[in-house]
């Protein structure tokens, strides 16, 4: 079964850190462009960070310098290290593999909730 499964979300205080992980089965991450997206209540899903097959990285302006996307080819996982978290980072975070075989927007995980609050 082809699927992406996110983990690592939770409740954290402002200024804290979390590390999200996305595990893939049935798809090899190093052959696919991957990314993290998020959706806050009553807002559209937005790009957080992307990582191409060649290693090029793009971040949303709102997370530059605070978040880091990385890929572990041996474990077939993609991670998002989030530091200096702010209340406005609160959202459901989704992992994506941009593989057209799985639809116009690729393959998505089920999402993991991140809540930044004191």
C-alpha atoms as a PDB file:
ATOM      1  CA  UNK A   1       0.000   0.000   0.000  1.00  0.00           C
ATOM      2  CA  UNK A   2       1.338   3.395  -0.970  1.00  0.00           C
ATOM      3  CA  UNK A   3       1.041   5.886   1.855  1.00  0.00           C
ATOM      4  CA  UNK A   4       2.669   8.681   3.795  1.00  0.00           C
ATOM      5  CA  UNK A   5       2.361   8.819   7.570  1.00  0.00           C
ATOM      6  CA  UNK A   6       3.245  11.932   9.542  1.00  0.00           C
ATOM      7  CA  UNK A   7       4.202  12.004  13.208  1.00  0.00           C
ATOM      8  CA  UNK A   8       5.700  14.351  15.755  1.00  0.00           C
ATOM      9  CA  UNK A   9       3.004  16.959  16.136  1.00  0.00           C
ATOM     10  CA  UNK A  10       1.770  18.206  19.480  1.00  0.00           C
ATOM     11  CA  UNK A  11       1.377  21.146  21.806  1.00  0.00           C
ATOM     12  CA  UNK A  12       4.374  23.394  22.370  1.00  0.00           C
ATOM     13  CA  UNK A  13       4.906  26.780  23.957  1.00  0.00           C
ATOM     14  CA  UNK A  14       5.942  29.795  21.880  1.00  0.00           C
ATOM     15  CA  UNK A  15       9.678  29.690  21.262  1.00  0.00           C
ATOM     16  CA  UNK A  16       9.763  25.927  21.503  1.00  0.00           C
ATOM     17  CA  UNK A  17      10.700  23.282  18.959  1.00  0.00           C
ATOM     18  CA  UNK A  18       9.137  20.259  17.320  1.00  0.00           C
ATOM     19  CA  UNK A  19      10.376  17.779  14.768  1.00  0.00           C
ATOM     20  CA  UNK A  20       7.883  16.321  12.324  1.00  0.00           C
ATOM     21  CA  UNK A  21       8.606  13.118  10.472  1.00  0.00           C
ATOM     22  CA  UNK A  22       6.986  11.602   7.394  1.00  0.00           C
ATOM     23  CA  UNK A  23       7.464   7.913   6.709  1.00  0.00           C
ATOM     24  CA  UNK A  24       6.771   6.538   3.248  1.00  0.00           C
ATOM     25  CA  UNK A  25       5.719   3.085   2.185  1.00  0.00           C
ATOM     26  CA  UNK A  26       5.372   2.012  -1.413  1.00  0.00           C
ATOM     27  CA  UNK A  27       7.226   5.072  -2.657  1.00  0.00           C
ATOM     28  CA  UNK A  28      10.891   6.001  -2.527  1.00  0.00           C
ATOM     29  CA  UNK A  29      11.400   9.543  -1.334  1.00  0.00           C
ATOM     30  CA  UNK A  30      14.764  10.108  -2.957  1.00  0.00           C
ATOM     31  CA  UNK A  31      13.110   9.745  -6.366  1.00  0.00           C
ATOM     32  CA  UNK A  32      10.369  12.275  -5.648  1.00  0.00           C
ATOM     33  CA  UNK A  33      10.084  15.976  -4.932  1.00  0.00           C
ATOM     34  CA  UNK A  34       8.750  16.219  -1.389  1.00  0.00           C
ATOM     35  CA  UNK A  35       7.336  18.936   0.761  1.00  0.00           C
ATOM     36  CA  UNK A  36       5.562  20.026   3.904  1.00  0.00           C
ATOM     37  CA  UNK A  37       2.385  22.057   3.786  1.00  0.00           C
ATOM     38  CA  UNK A  38       0.096  23.346   6.501  1.00  0.00           C
ATOM     39  CA  UNK A  39      -3.500  24.387   6.913  1.00  0.00           C
ATOM     40  CA  UNK A  40      -4.729  26.576   9.734  1.00  0.00           C
ATOM     41  CA  UNK A  41      -8.433  26.769  10.655  1.00  0.00           C
ATOM     42  CA  UNK A  42     -10.450  28.628   8.037  1.00  0.00           C
ATOM     43  CA  UNK A  43      -7.384  29.160   5.871  1.00  0.00           C
ATOM     44  CA  UNK A  44      -6.155  27.574   2.672  1.00  0.00           C
ATOM     45  CA  UNK A  45      -3.400  24.996   2.678  1.00  0.00           C
ATOM     46  CA  UNK A  46      -0.036  26.678   2.186  1.00  0.00           C
ATOM     47  CA  UNK A  47       3.487  25.626   1.332  1.00  0.00           C
ATOM     48  CA  UNK A  48       5.950  25.415   4.197  1.00  0.00           C
ATOM     49  CA  UNK A  49       9.013  23.839   2.587  1.00  0.00           C
ATOM     50  CA  UNK A  50       9.911  21.757  -0.442  1.00  0.00           C
ATOM     51  CA  UNK A  51      12.900  19.591  -1.319  1.00  0.00           C
ATOM     52  CA  UNK A  52      13.588  18.505  -4.891  1.00  0.00           C
ATOM     53  CA  UNK A  53      15.186  15.247  -5.983  1.00  0.00           C
ATOM     54  CA  UNK A  54      18.378  17.177  -6.622  1.00  0.00           C
ATOM     55  CA  UNK A  55      18.409  18.666  -3.147  1.00  0.00           C
ATOM     56  CA  UNK A  56      17.159  22.187  -3.862  1.00  0.00           C
ATOM     57  CA  UNK A  57      15.139  23.605  -0.974  1.00  0.00           C
ATOM     58  CA  UNK A  58      12.483  26.279  -0.865  1.00  0.00           C
ATOM     59  CA  UNK A  59      10.900  27.762   2.255  1.00  0.00           C
ATOM     60  CA  UNK A  60       7.935  30.002   2.818  1.00  0.00           C
ATOM     61  CA  UNK A  61       9.103  33.444   3.895  1.00  0.00           C
ATOM     62  CA  UNK A  62       7.272  33.032   7.194  1.00  0.00           C
ATOM     63  CA  UNK A  63       9.428  30.062   8.249  1.00  0.00           C
ATOM     64  CA  UNK A  64      12.833  30.922   6.768  1.00  0.00           C
ATOM     65  CA  UNK A  65      15.561  30.697   9.359  1.00  0.00           C
ATOM     66  CA  UNK A  66      13.342  28.747  11.756  1.00  0.00           C
ATOM     67  CA  UNK A  67      12.360  25.557   9.914  1.00  0.00           C
ATOM     68  CA  UNK A  68      14.582  22.987   8.212  1.00  0.00           C
ATOM     69  CA  UNK A  69      13.436  20.273   5.812  1.00  0.00           C
ATOM     70  CA  UNK A  70      15.575  17.190   5.354  1.00  0.00           C
ATOM     71  CA  UNK A  71      15.418  13.717   3.832  1.00  0.00           C
ATOM     72  CA  UNK A  72      16.890  10.474   5.155  1.00  0.00           C
ATOM     73  CA  UNK A  73      17.257   8.140   2.186  1.00  0.00           C
ATOM     74  CA  UNK A  74      18.251   5.173   4.329  1.00  0.00           C
ATOM     75  CA  UNK A  75      15.087   5.432   6.429  1.00  0.00           C
ATOM     76  CA  UNK A  76      12.932   6.698   3.555  1.00  0.00           C
ATOM     77  CA  UNK A  77      11.671   9.585   5.650  1.00  0.00           C
ATOM     78  CA  UNK A  78      11.335  13.329   5.319  1.00  0.00           C
ATOM     79  CA  UNK A  79      11.546  15.551   8.371  1.00  0.00           C
ATOM     80  CA  UNK A  80      10.726  19.116   9.291  1.00  0.00           C
ATOM     81  CA  UNK A  81      12.648  20.608  12.193  1.00  0.00           C
ATOM     82  CA  UNK A  82      10.704  23.563  13.565  1.00  0.00           C
ATOM     83  CA  UNK A  83      12.401  25.985  15.952  1.00  0.00           C
ATOM     84  CA  UNK A  84      11.336  29.268  17.496  1.00  0.00           C
ATOM     85  CA  UNK A  85       7.720  28.330  17.027  1.00  0.00           C
ATOM     86  CA  UNK A  86       5.078  31.032  17.030  1.00  0.00           C
ATOM     87  CA  UNK A  87       1.334  30.874  17.673  1.00  0.00           C
ATOM     88  CA  UNK A  88       0.776  31.589  13.984  1.00  0.00           C
ATOM     89  CA  UNK A  89       2.523  28.302  13.162  1.00  0.00           C
ATOM     90  CA  UNK A  90      -0.475  26.487  14.617  1.00  0.00           C
ATOM     91  CA  UNK A  91      -1.942  24.274  11.885  1.00  0.00           C
ATOM     92  CA  UNK A  92      -2.308  20.759  10.603  1.00  0.00           C
ATOM     93  CA  UNK A  93       0.925  19.871   8.833  1.00  0.00           C
ATOM     94  CA  UNK A  94       0.873  17.601   5.791  1.00  0.00           C
ATOM     95  CA  UNK A  95       3.619  15.708   4.036  1.00  0.00           C
ATOM     96  CA  UNK A  96       3.504  15.559   0.238  1.00  0.00           C
ATOM     97  CA  UNK A  97       5.279  13.585  -2.451  1.00  0.00           C
ATOM     98  CA  UNK A  98       4.823  15.363  -5.774  1.00  0.00           C
ATOM     99  CA  UNK A  99       4.341  12.279  -7.925  1.00  0.00           C
ATOM    100  CA  UNK A 100       1.742  12.782 -10.694  1.00  0.00           C
ATOM    101  CA  UNK A 101       0.961   9.066 -10.660  1.00  0.00           C
ATOM    102  CA  UNK A 102      -1.049   9.700  -7.493  1.00  0.00           C
ATOM    103  CA  UNK A 103      -3.039  12.680  -8.757  1.00  0.00           C
ATOM    104  CA  UNK A 104      -2.552  16.278  -9.841  1.00  0.00           C
ATOM    105  CA  UNK A 105      -1.165  17.265  -6.452  1.00  0.00           C
ATOM    106  CA  UNK A 106       0.626  14.000  -5.712  1.00  0.00           C
ATOM    107  CA  UNK A 107       0.418  11.851  -2.607  1.00  0.00           C
ATOM    108  CA  UNK A 108      -0.542  13.269   0.810  1.00  0.00           C
ATOM    109  CA  UNK A 109      -0.330  12.073   4.365  1.00  0.00           C
ATOM    110  CA  UNK A 110      -3.176  12.328   6.830  1.00  0.00           C
ATOM    111  CA  UNK A 111      -1.688  15.323   8.627  1.00  0.00           C
ATOM    112  CA  UNK A 112      -0.410  15.987  12.133  1.00  0.00           C
ATOM    113  CA  UNK A 113      -1.624  18.775  14.411  1.00  0.00           C
ATOM    114  CA  UNK A 114       0.840  21.367  15.660  1.00  0.00           C
ATOM    115  CA  UNK A 115      -0.429  23.770  18.312  1.00  0.00           C
ATOM    116  CA  UNK A 116       1.738  26.607  19.601  1.00  0.00           C
ATOM    117  CA  UNK A 117       0.240  28.112  22.713  1.00  0.00           C
ATOM    118  CA  UNK A 118       1.154  29.160  26.221  1.00  0.00           C
END
